[in-house]
Amino acid sequence: MHDEESVPDLGPCSVLLHASESAGYQILQSKELPARAAKYLPAPPDLDRRLHNLLTSRYPAGLYSHQAEAVQAGLTGRDVCLATSTASGKSLAFMSLAADIVLREDSARVLALYPAKALIQDQREKWGEMLTPLGIRFSFIDGTVPPESRPGILRRVCAVPCFERSFERAPFRPR
């Protein structure tokens, strides 16, 4: 018979502390912050009416406050740096601003640069969910898109998520 070991706490903080100590780091202090309740605000009324209606129907409780505040700041021409945790809605903020620009100006084009090819694949679905219901054409450019096809994509669609290294390999100026 052997002694039963107690089951360790597998919360995120405990896992991180255990991994750090296992790697030979000495943890001098740790503090776990309590979760906060989400705060919501309505979609900014200055958005293009079609986009405003889309966001209001998808998010009846409102956008997260950081999303609504970032969009409003962008609409007023202010620079925005939105730094929040993963899956907290940063994409919705910048995609809303991009959609608003394209809806207001027929000749506008949005080029969104991503640092990793895998991230583009994840974001393509989000771009589609935002732009398709608004009738905005979009495509993507990464290393799988032949260089000779890229200028045509840029001329024909309004929003193009791109893997940034694709720019190093081929010219992007439409002729």
C-alpha atoms as a PDB file:
ATOM      1  CA  MET A   1       0.000   0.000   0.000  1.00  0.00           C
ATOM      2  CA  HIS A   2       1.238   3.494  -0.776  1.00  0.00           C
ATOM      3  CA  ASP A   3       0.378   6.884   0.631  1.00  0.00           C
ATOM      4  CA  GLU A   4      -2.160   8.798  -1.345  1.00  0.00           C
ATOM      5  CA  GLU A   5      -0.710  11.993  -2.703  1.00  0.00           C
ATOM      6  CA  SER A   6      -2.832  15.072  -2.568  1.00  0.00           C
ATOM      7  CA  VAL A   7      -4.060  16.262  -5.942  1.00  0.00           C
ATOM      8  CA  PRO A   8      -2.278  19.497  -6.795  1.00  0.00           C
ATOM      9  CA  ASP A   9      -4.179  22.701  -7.576  1.00  0.00           C
ATOM     10  CA  LEU A  10      -4.209  22.919 -11.384  1.00  0.00           C
ATOM     11  CA  GLY A  11      -5.309  26.543 -11.651  1.00  0.00           C
ATOM     12  CA  PRO A  12      -3.392  28.668 -14.178  1.00  0.00           C
ATOM     13  CA  CYS A  13      -1.346  30.411 -11.524  1.00  0.00           C
ATOM     14  CA  SER A  14      -0.326  27.116  -9.900  1.00  0.00           C
ATOM     15  CA  VAL A  15       0.648  25.588 -13.239  1.00  0.00           C
ATOM     16  CA  LEU A  16       2.785  28.608 -14.120  1.00  0.00           C
ATOM     17  CA  LEU A  17       4.480  28.631 -10.700  1.00  0.00           C
ATOM     18  CA  HIS A  18       5.187  24.896 -10.880  1.00  0.00           C
ATOM     19  CA  ALA A  19       6.593  25.139 -14.416  1.00  0.00           C
ATOM     20  CA  SER A  20       8.810  28.075 -13.470  1.00  0.00           C
ATOM     21  CA  GLU A  21      10.169  26.333 -10.389  1.00  0.00           C
ATOM     22  CA  SER A  22      10.707  23.110 -12.379  1.00  0.00           C
ATOM     23  CA  ALA A  23      12.814  25.112 -14.839  1.00  0.00           C
ATOM     24  CA  GLY A  24      15.005  26.298 -11.968  1.00  0.00           C
ATOM     25  CA  TYR A  25      13.547  29.759 -11.461  1.00  0.00           C
ATOM     26  CA  GLN A  26      13.052  31.013  -7.951  1.00  0.00           C
ATOM     27  CA  ILE A  27       9.683  32.691  -7.539  1.00  0.00           C
ATOM     28  CA  LEU A  28      10.125  35.638  -5.223  1.00  0.00           C
ATOM     29  CA  GLN A  29       6.558  36.856  -5.255  1.00  0.00           C
ATOM     30  CA  SER A  30       3.308  36.061  -6.971  1.00  0.00           C
ATOM     31  CA  LYS A  31      -0.076  37.677  -6.941  1.00  0.00           C
ATOM     32  CA  GLU A  32      -3.235  36.455  -8.581  1.00  0.00           C
ATOM     33  CA  LEU A  33      -5.637  39.215  -9.519  1.00  0.00           C
ATOM     34  CA  PRO A  34      -9.330  38.505  -9.125  1.00  0.00           C
ATOM     35  CA  ALA A  35     -11.501  38.331 -12.222  1.00  0.00           C
ATOM     36  CA  ARG A  36     -13.512  41.427 -13.050  1.00  0.00           C
ATOM     37  CA  ALA A  37     -16.991  41.569 -14.452  1.00  0.00           C
ATOM     38  CA  ALA A  38     -17.200  42.549 -18.108  1.00  0.00           C
ATOM     39  CA  LYS A  39     -18.282  46.112 -18.864  1.00  0.00           C
ATOM     40  CA  TYR A  40     -20.300  46.808 -21.993  1.00  0.00           C
ATOM     41  CA  LEU A  41     -20.994  49.917 -24.053  1.00  0.00           C
ATOM     42  CA  PRO A  42     -23.161  50.361 -27.134  1.00  0.00           C
ATOM     43  CA  ALA A  43     -21.512  50.386 -30.541  1.00  0.00           C
ATOM     44  CA  PRO A  44     -20.481  53.964 -31.350  1.00  0.00           C
ATOM     45  CA  PRO A  45     -23.366  55.723 -33.116  1.00  0.00           C
ATOM     46  CA  ASP A  46     -20.922  57.467 -35.500  1.00  0.00           C
ATOM     47  CA  LEU A  47     -20.222  54.180 -37.307  1.00  0.00           C
ATOM     48  CA  ASP A  48     -21.695  53.670 -40.763  1.00  0.00           C
ATOM     49  CA  ARG A  49     -25.356  52.784 -40.222  1.00  0.00           C
ATOM     50  CA  ARG A  50     -25.013  49.291 -41.790  1.00  0.00           C
ATOM     51  CA  LEU A  51     -22.045  48.408 -39.591  1.00  0.00           C
ATOM     52  CA  HIS A  52     -23.708  49.871 -36.506  1.00  0.00           C
ATOM     53  CA  ASN A  53     -26.801  47.737 -37.180  1.00  0.00           C
ATOM     54  CA  LEU A  54     -24.666  44.607 -37.667  1.00  0.00           C
ATOM     55  CA  LEU A  55     -22.774  45.114 -34.399  1.00  0.00           C
ATOM     56  CA  THR A  56     -25.940  45.961 -32.475  1.00  0.00           C
ATOM     57  CA  SER A  57     -27.684  42.821 -33.707  1.00  0.00           C
ATOM     58  CA  ARG A  58     -24.685  40.576 -32.976  1.00  0.00           C
ATOM     59  CA  TYR A  59     -23.918  42.070 -29.582  1.00  0.00           C
ATOM     60  CA  PRO A  60     -27.237  43.123 -28.020  1.00  0.00           C
ATOM     61  CA  ALA A  61     -25.590  43.707 -24.627  1.00  0.00           C
ATOM     62  CA  GLY A  62     -23.072  45.991 -26.338  1.00  0.00           C
ATOM     63  CA  LEU A  63     -19.395  45.737 -27.168  1.00  0.00           C
ATOM     64  CA  TYR A  64     -16.829  45.276 -24.446  1.00  0.00           C
ATOM     65  CA  SER A  65     -16.011  48.748 -23.181  1.00  0.00           C
ATOM     66  CA  HIS A  66     -12.427  48.595 -24.482  1.00  0.00           C
ATOM     67  CA  GLN A  67     -13.725  47.729 -27.965  1.00  0.00           C
ATOM     68  CA  ALA A  68     -16.299  50.528 -28.056  1.00  0.00           C
ATOM     69  CA  GLU A  69     -13.789  53.053 -26.699  1.00  0.00           C
ATOM     70  CA  ALA A  70     -11.107  51.998 -29.201  1.00  0.00           C
ATOM     71  CA  VAL A  71     -13.549  52.234 -32.132  1.00  0.00           C
ATOM     72  CA  GLN A  72     -14.789  55.640 -30.974  1.00  0.00           C
ATOM     73  CA  ALA A  73     -11.212  56.903 -30.624  1.00  0.00           C
ATOM     74  CA  GLY A  74     -10.381  55.665 -34.126  1.00  0.00           C
ATOM     75  CA  LEU A  75     -13.487  57.301 -35.557  1.00  0.00           C
ATOM     76  CA  THR A  76     -12.353  60.649 -34.171  1.00  0.00           C
ATOM     77  CA  GLY A  77      -8.945  60.270 -35.807  1.00  0.00           C
ATOM     78  CA  ARG A  78      -7.005  59.387 -32.682  1.00  0.00           C
ATOM     79  CA  ASP A  79      -4.266  56.763 -32.759  1.00  0.00           C
ATOM     80  CA  VAL A  80      -5.195  53.612 -30.856  1.00  0.00           C
ATOM     81  CA  CYS A  81      -2.991  51.042 -29.166  1.00  0.00           C
ATOM     82  CA  LEU A  82      -5.184  48.277 -27.797  1.00  0.00           C
ATOM     83  CA  ALA A  83      -3.262  45.857 -25.574  1.00  0.00           C
ATOM     84  CA  THR A  84      -5.442  43.193 -23.999  1.00  0.00           C
ATOM     85  CA  SER A  85      -5.225  39.472 -23.438  1.00  0.00           C
ATOM     86  CA  THR A  86      -5.746  36.833 -26.111  1.00  0.00           C
ATOM     87  CA  ALA A  87      -9.337  36.437 -27.342  1.00  0.00           C
ATOM     88  CA  SER A  88     -10.490  39.697 -25.758  1.00  0.00           C
ATOM     89  CA  GLY A  89     -11.838  41.335 -28.899  1.00  0.00           C
ATOM     90  CA  LYS A  90      -8.960  43.355 -30.340  1.00  0.00           C
ATOM     91  CA  SER A  91      -9.754  42.099 -33.841  1.00  0.00           C
ATOM     92  CA  LEU A  92     -13.332  43.314 -33.674  1.00  0.00           C
ATOM     93  CA  ALA A  93     -12.117  46.821 -32.846  1.00  0.00           C
ATOM     94  CA  PHE A  94      -9.746  47.224 -35.791  1.00  0.00           C
ATOM     95  CA  MET A  95     -11.948  45.288 -38.217  1.00  0.00           C
ATOM     96  CA  SER A  96     -14.880  47.564 -37.331  1.00  0.00           C
ATOM     97  CA  LEU A  97     -12.792  50.619 -38.146  1.00  0.00           C
ATOM     98  CA  ALA A  98     -11.611  49.035 -41.392  1.00  0.00           C
ATOM     99  CA  ALA A  99     -15.184  48.171 -42.417  1.00  0.00           C
ATOM    100  CA  ASP A 100     -16.356  51.675 -41.571  1.00  0.00           C
ATOM    101  CA  ILE A 101     -13.692  53.232 -43.814  1.00  0.00           C
ATOM    102  CA  VAL A 102     -14.537  50.939 -46.737  1.00  0.00           C
ATOM    103  CA  LEU A 103     -18.288  51.502 -46.356  1.00  0.00           C
ATOM    104  CA  ARG A 104     -17.809  55.281 -46.436  1.00  0.00           C
ATOM    105  CA  GLU A 105     -15.339  55.424 -49.328  1.00  0.00           C
ATOM    106  CA  ASP A 106     -15.772  53.149 -52.355  1.00  0.00           C
ATOM    107  CA  SER A 107     -12.131  53.493 -53.419  1.00  0.00           C
ATOM    108  CA  ALA A 108     -10.721  52.705 -49.956  1.00  0.00           C
ATOM    109  CA  ARG A 109      -8.587  49.619 -49.473  1.00  0.00           C
ATOM    110  CA  VAL A 110      -7.470  48.043 -46.205  1.00  0.00           C
ATOM    111  CA  LEU A 111      -4.224  46.115 -45.949  1.00  0.00           C
ATOM    112  CA  ALA A 112      -3.904  44.267 -42.623  1.00  0.00           C
ATOM    113  CA  LEU A 113      -0.423  42.895 -41.938  1.00  0.00           C
ATOM    114  CA  TYR A 114       0.004  39.859 -39.709  1.00  0.00           C
ATOM    115  CA  PRO A 115       3.350  38.668 -38.338  1.00  0.00           C
ATOM    116  CA  ALA A 116       2.624  34.946 -38.680  1.00  0.00           C
ATOM    117  CA  LYS A 117       1.025  32.879 -41.431  1.00  0.00           C
ATOM    118  CA  ALA A 118      -0.928  30.838 -38.869  1.00  0.00           C
ATOM    119  CA  LEU A 119      -2.484  34.017 -37.508  1.00  0.00           C
ATOM    120  CA  ILE A 120      -3.751  34.986 -40.967  1.00  0.00           C
ATOM    121  CA  GLN A 121      -5.591  31.675 -41.253  1.00  0.00           C
ATOM    122  CA  ASP A 122      -7.315  32.281 -37.917  1.00  0.00           C
ATOM    123  CA  GLN A 123      -8.176  35.872 -38.812  1.00  0.00           C
ATOM    124  CA  ARG A 124      -9.588  35.089 -42.286  1.00  0.00           C
ATOM    125  CA  GLU A 125     -12.736  33.680 -40.696  1.00  0.00           C
ATOM    126  CA  LYS A 126     -13.160  36.765 -38.519  1.00  0.00           C
ATOM    127  CA  TRP A 127     -12.711  39.077 -41.525  1.00  0.00           C
ATOM    128  CA  GLY A 128     -15.368  37.085 -43.375  1.00  0.00           C
ATOM    129  CA  GLU A 129     -17.802  37.257 -40.469  1.00  0.00           C
ATOM    130  CA  MET A 130     -17.374  41.037 -40.322  1.00  0.00           C
ATOM    131  CA  LEU A 131     -17.230  41.950 -44.017  1.00  0.00           C
ATOM    132  CA  THR A 132     -19.400  39.449 -45.898  1.00  0.00           C
ATOM    133  CA  PRO A 133     -22.739  40.529 -44.341  1.00  0.00           C
ATOM    134  CA  LEU A 134     -21.825  44.116 -45.298  1.00  0.00           C
ATOM    135  CA  GLY A 135     -21.156  43.166 -48.914  1.00  0.00           C
ATOM    136  CA  ILE A 136     -17.455  44.021 -48.664  1.00  0.00           C
ATOM    137  CA  ARG A 137     -15.144  41.884 -50.814  1.00  0.00           C
ATOM    138  CA  PHE A 138     -11.990  40.555 -49.195  1.00  0.00           C
ATOM    139  CA  SER A 139      -9.212  38.096 -49.900  1.00  0.00           C
ATOM    140  CA  PHE A 140      -5.834  37.283 -48.390  1.00  0.00           C
ATOM    141  CA  ILE A 141      -2.231  37.181 -49.467  1.00  0.00           C
ATOM    142  CA  ASP A 142       0.380  34.862 -48.050  1.00  0.00           C
ATOM    143  CA  GLY A 143       3.172  32.734 -49.469  1.00  0.00           C
ATOM    144  CA  THR A 144       0.708  30.409 -51.200  1.00  0.00           C
ATOM    145  CA  VAL A 145      -0.607  33.204 -53.445  1.00  0.00           C
ATOM    146  CA  PRO A 146       1.514  33.492 -56.614  1.00  0.00           C
ATOM    147  CA  PRO A 147       3.312  36.863 -56.861  1.00  0.00           C
ATOM    148  CA  GLU A 148       1.725  37.610 -60.240  1.00  0.00           C
ATOM    149  CA  SER A 149      -1.771  37.290 -58.675  1.00  0.00           C
ATOM    150  CA  ARG A 150      -1.180  39.757 -55.850  1.00  0.00           C
ATOM    151  CA  PRO A 151      -1.642  43.077 -57.692  1.00  0.00           C
ATOM    152  CA  GLY A 152      -4.989  41.854 -59.067  1.00  0.00           C
ATOM    153  CA  ILE A 153      -6.155  40.904 -55.589  1.00  0.00           C
ATOM    154  CA  LEU A 154      -5.249  44.352 -54.314  1.00  0.00           C
ATOM    155  CA  ARG A 155      -7.196  46.036 -57.151  1.00  0.00           C
ATOM    156  CA  ARG A 156     -10.297  43.850 -56.920  1.00  0.00           C
ATOM    157  CA  VAL A 157     -11.029  43.586 -53.193  1.00  0.00           C
ATOM    158  CA  CYS A 158     -11.436  46.066 -50.351  1.00  0.00           C
ATOM    159  CA  ALA A 159      -9.699  44.262 -47.495  1.00  0.00           C
ATOM    160  CA  VAL A 160      -6.595  42.085 -47.683  1.00  0.00           C
ATOM    161  CA  PRO A 161      -5.137  40.347 -44.635  1.00  0.00           C
ATOM    162  CA  CYS A 162      -1.469  39.668 -45.504  1.00  0.00           C
ATOM    163  CA  PHE A 163       1.359  37.656 -44.052  1.00  0.00           C
ATOM    164  CA  GLU A 164       3.985  40.402 -43.833  1.00  0.00           C
ATOM    165  CA  ARG A 165       6.839  38.317 -45.244  1.00  0.00           C
ATOM    166  CA  SER A 166       4.872  38.037 -48.500  1.00  0.00           C
ATOM    167  CA  PHE A 167       5.900  41.635 -49.143  1.00  0.00           C
ATOM    168  CA  GLU A 168       9.571  40.727 -49.116  1.00  0.00           C
ATOM    169  CA  ARG A 169       9.239  38.347 -52.056  1.00  0.00           C
ATOM    170  CA  ALA A 170       7.237  40.232 -54.664  1.00  0.00           C
ATOM    171  CA  PRO A 171       6.318  43.755 -55.681  1.00  0.00           C
ATOM    172  CA  PHE A 172       2.855  44.878 -54.634  1.00  0.00           C
ATOM    173  CA  ARG A 173       2.392  48.052 -56.658  1.00  0.00           C
ATOM    174  CA  PRO A 174      -0.494  47.763 -59.114  1.00  0.00           C
ATOM    175  CA  ARG A 175       0.552  48.854 -62.586  1.00  0.00           C
END
